[in-house]
Amino acid sequence: MLSHRNMTTLTYRGKNYVQNKEAAKKQLVELTYRRNVYTNRMDDASSSNEKAELNYRGVNYTK
């Protein structure tokens, strides 16, 4: 009896090939986007009035 397998043609550096491995059986993980965490971090960073002292190739400057 023949088993049904999804054979997907893949491309690597312009060469087509077929992957002959079975996909890993992993538990799916659902990722969530927490907008408030992201925006709070952005607000904290932008509201800081501290000047950063930087040094690039021996030249000091503040930003």
Protein backbone atom coordinates (compact mmCIF):
# COMPACT_ATOMS: atom_id res chain seq x y z
CA MET A 1 0.00 0.00 0.00
CA LEU A 2 1.33 3.45 -0.89
CA SER A 3 1.41 6.12 1.75
CA HIS A 4 0.64 9.70 0.85
CA ARG A 5 3.52 12.14 1.44
CA ASN A 6 3.70 15.83 0.68
CA MET A 7 6.68 16.24 -1.59
CA THR A 8 7.56 19.89 -1.86
CA THR A 9 10.10 21.11 -4.37
CA LEU A 10 12.53 23.44 -2.64
CA THR A 11 15.10 25.80 -4.12
CA TYR A 12 18.57 26.41 -2.73
CA ARG A 13 20.93 28.72 -4.60
CA GLY A 14 18.93 28.30 -7.76
CA LYS A 15 18.92 24.49 -7.64
CA ASN A 16 15.64 22.64 -7.16
CA TYR A 17 15.49 19.65 -4.87
CA VAL A 18 12.92 17.54 -3.06
CA GLN A 19 13.20 17.10 0.67
CA ASN A 20 12.88 13.42 1.53
CA LYS A 21 12.66 13.84 5.29
CA GLU A 22 9.43 13.79 7.23
CA ALA A 23 8.52 17.00 8.99
CA ALA A 24 9.36 17.01 12.69
CA LYS A 25 6.42 16.20 14.92
CA LYS A 26 6.52 19.19 17.28
CA GLN A 27 3.92 20.74 19.48
CA LEU A 28 2.74 23.99 17.93
CA VAL A 29 3.44 27.19 19.87
CA GLU A 30 1.19 30.19 19.45
CA LEU A 31 3.02 33.49 19.75
CA THR A 32 1.28 36.57 21.05
CA TYR A 33 2.02 40.22 20.36
CA ARG A 34 1.68 42.42 23.40
CA ARG A 35 1.43 45.91 21.98
CA ASN A 36 1.45 47.66 25.36
CA VAL A 37 4.79 46.11 26.36
CA TYR A 38 6.37 47.21 23.10
CA THR A 39 4.96 50.75 23.18
CA ASN A 40 5.86 51.22 26.87
CA ARG A 41 9.48 50.33 26.14
CA MET A 42 9.52 52.74 23.20
CA ASP A 43 8.01 55.51 25.36
CA ASP A 44 10.53 54.89 28.15
CA ALA A 45 13.43 55.06 25.72
CA SER A 46 12.21 58.20 23.98
CA SER A 47 11.25 60.06 27.17
CA SER A 48 14.70 59.68 28.66
CA ASN A 49 16.45 63.06 28.61
CA GLU A 50 19.82 61.54 29.37
CA LYS A 51 22.51 62.07 26.78
CA ALA A 52 24.43 59.00 25.79
CA GLU A 53 28.20 59.39 25.68
CA LEU A 54 29.53 57.42 22.76
CA ASN A 55 32.97 56.69 21.39
CA TYR A 56 33.60 55.68 17.80
CA ARG A 57 37.17 54.99 16.67
CA GLY A 58 38.58 57.19 19.39
CA VAL A 59 36.20 60.10 18.78
CA ASN A 60 33.90 60.94 21.71
CA TYR A 61 30.45 62.41 21.15
CA THR A 62 27.07 62.62 22.86
CA LYS A 63 23.75 61.77 21.36
